[in-house]
Protein backbone atom coordinates (compact mmCIF):
# COMPACT_ATOMS: atom_id res chain seq x y z
CA MET A 1 -4.89 17.43 -4.07
CA ILE A 2 -2.84 19.50 -5.30
CA LEU A 3 -4.13 20.62 -8.18
CA ALA A 4 -7.15 20.99 -7.25
CA ARG A 5 -9.05 17.80 -9.11
CA GLU A 6 -12.47 16.57 -7.51
CA SER A 7 -10.88 13.10 -7.89
CA PRO A 8 -8.50 10.88 -7.45
CA ALA A 9 -6.05 10.51 -10.81
CA PHE A 10 -2.69 8.50 -11.89
CA PRO A 11 -0.48 8.99 -14.72
CA ARG A 12 -0.73 8.40 -17.79
CA ILE A 13 1.37 5.60 -17.90
CA ILE A 14 -0.11 3.69 -15.01
CA ALA A 15 -3.85 4.93 -15.52
CA SER A 16 -2.88 3.45 -19.54
CA ARG A 17 -2.02 -0.53 -17.94
CA ARG A 18 -4.90 -2.46 -18.10
CA PHE A 19 -5.80 -4.37 -14.36
CA SER A 20 -8.10 -7.15 -15.01
CA THR A 21 -10.91 -7.87 -12.27
CA ARG A 22 -9.73 -11.25 -11.56
CA ARG A 23 -6.55 -9.86 -10.08
CA LEU A 24 -8.00 -7.81 -8.31
CA VAL A 25 -10.48 -9.89 -6.74
CA ARG A 26 -7.44 -12.11 -5.63
CA LEU A 27 -6.13 -9.68 -4.27
CA VAL A 28 -8.44 -8.24 -1.89
CA ASP A 29 -9.38 -11.87 -1.50
CA ARG A 30 -5.65 -11.96 -0.27
CA ALA A 31 -6.12 -9.27 1.25
CA VAL A 32 -9.29 -9.51 3.67
CA PRO A 33 -8.22 -12.18 6.22
CA VAL A 34 -4.41 -10.20 6.67
CA LEU A 35 -7.07 -7.39 7.23
CA ARG A 36 -9.55 -9.22 9.33
CA ARG A 37 -6.70 -10.39 11.80
CA MET A 38 -4.80 -7.20 12.03
CA GLU A 39 -8.38 -5.72 13.04
CA THR A 40 -8.31 -8.40 16.17
CA VAL A 41 -4.94 -7.24 17.11
CA ILE A 42 -4.77 -3.42 16.44
CA HIS A 43 -7.51 -1.64 18.22
CA PRO A 44 -7.57 1.62 20.59
CA ARG A 45 -6.02 0.50 23.95
CA TRP A 46 -3.17 2.34 26.34
CA LYS A 47 -4.54 5.71 25.35
CA THR A 48 -1.80 7.71 24.46
CA PRO A 49 -2.37 11.96 24.03
CA PHE A 50 -1.29 11.14 20.08
CA GLU A 51 -1.80 15.09 19.13
CA ALA A 52 1.44 16.07 22.31
CA THR A 53 3.45 12.54 20.39
CA THR A 54 2.83 13.84 16.78
CA ARG A 55 6.38 16.23 16.63
CA VAL A 56 8.62 13.78 18.48
CA VAL A 57 7.26 10.94 15.76
CA GLY A 58 7.26 12.87 13.17
CA LEU A 59 10.82 13.32 13.91
CA VAL A 60 11.51 9.22 14.62
CA VAL A 61 9.83 9.02 10.78
CA LEU A 62 12.21 11.30 9.35
CA ALA A 63 15.34 9.70 11.01
CA LEU A 64 13.57 5.81 9.47
CA THR A 65 13.55 7.42 5.75
CA SER A 66 17.36 8.57 6.57
CA VAL A 67 18.22 4.89 6.91
CA PHE A 68 17.02 4.12 3.71
CA PHE A 69 19.84 5.53 1.80
CA VAL A 70 22.10 2.35 3.75
CA PRO A 71 23.91 0.45 1.01
CA ILE A 72 22.56 -3.15 1.45
CA PRO A 73 20.08 -4.39 -0.62
CA LEU A 74 16.52 -5.05 0.78
CA SER A 75 17.60 -3.23 3.83
CA ASN A 76 15.19 -0.78 3.41
CA VAL A 77 11.88 -2.88 3.73
CA VAL A 78 12.56 -2.54 7.29
CA PRO A 79 12.43 1.14 7.85
CA ALA A 80 9.26 0.73 5.55
CA VAL A 81 7.44 -1.64 7.96
CA THR A 82 8.08 0.53 10.84
CA ILE A 83 6.89 3.06 10.04
CA MET A 84 3.94 1.13 8.60
CA LEU A 85 3.58 0.03 11.75
CA ILE A 86 3.73 4.04 13.43
CA ALA A 87 1.08 5.10 10.75
CA LEU A 88 -1.28 1.91 11.75
CA ALA A 89 -0.65 2.59 15.25
CA TYR A 90 -1.91 6.60 14.88
CA LEU A 91 -4.53 5.36 12.21
CA GLU A 92 -6.68 2.77 15.37
CA GLU A 93 -4.78 5.67 18.64
CA ASP A 94 -3.63 1.87 19.21
CA GLY A 95 -0.75 3.19 22.31
CA VAL A 96 1.10 -0.25 22.75
CA LEU A 97 1.39 -0.81 19.24
CA LEU A 98 2.70 2.54 19.34
CA ALA A 99 5.22 1.88 21.97
CA LEU A 100 6.07 -0.99 20.41
CA SER A 101 6.86 1.07 16.89
CA LEU A 102 8.81 3.12 18.53
CA THR A 103 11.00 1.27 20.60
CA SER A 104 11.63 -0.92 17.10
CA ALA A 105 12.25 2.43 15.33
CA ALA A 106 14.75 3.15 17.49
CA ALA A 107 16.50 -0.22 17.31
CA VAL A 108 16.51 0.47 13.37
CA ILE A 109 17.74 3.94 13.12
CA LEU A 110 20.71 2.36 15.81
CA VAL A 111 21.41 0.09 13.34
CA GLY A 112 21.56 2.24 10.75
CA ALA A 113 23.27 4.37 11.79
CA PHE A 114 25.79 1.94 13.12
CA THR A 115 26.01 0.54 9.90
CA ILE A 116 26.45 3.94 8.09
CA TRP A 117 29.36 4.61 9.98
CA GLN A 118 30.74 1.51 9.75
CA SER A 119 30.74 2.40 5.98
CA VAL A 120 32.31 5.56 6.29
CA GLU A 121 35.21 4.21 8.43
CA ALA A 122 35.74 1.70 5.76
CA VAL A 123 36.17 4.28 2.75
CA ARG A 124 37.92 6.19 5.57
CA SER A 125 40.56 3.38 5.50
CA MET A 126 40.43 2.46 1.89
CA ALA A 127 41.64 6.17 1.17
CA SER A 128 44.38 6.37 3.73
């Protein structure tokens, strides 16, 4: 899109790789039941002024991306799932899911901030 191309284009290293049809069919067969279940749970409800919450949600997502740098293996999975839930809430205009996602985002940010603070304190105590 940035390069004004008419269609999506992958980098050569990805475009040159082969991907079997059988593998794609298995992937779709696994994904469709999950998406169907999600559609029964996630739907437009509890109308929220999404235009008014855009900046707040943007700041929350920005804060969640800072949690990716916590020095604990696999600690970036939870913030990534939280960002995914926020995106789904926005796409489906689901205010209930948005409220739950923002609540979980606050908890993730607090845990991440505490972890970062404890890491800095540990380094500071080792230096002195």
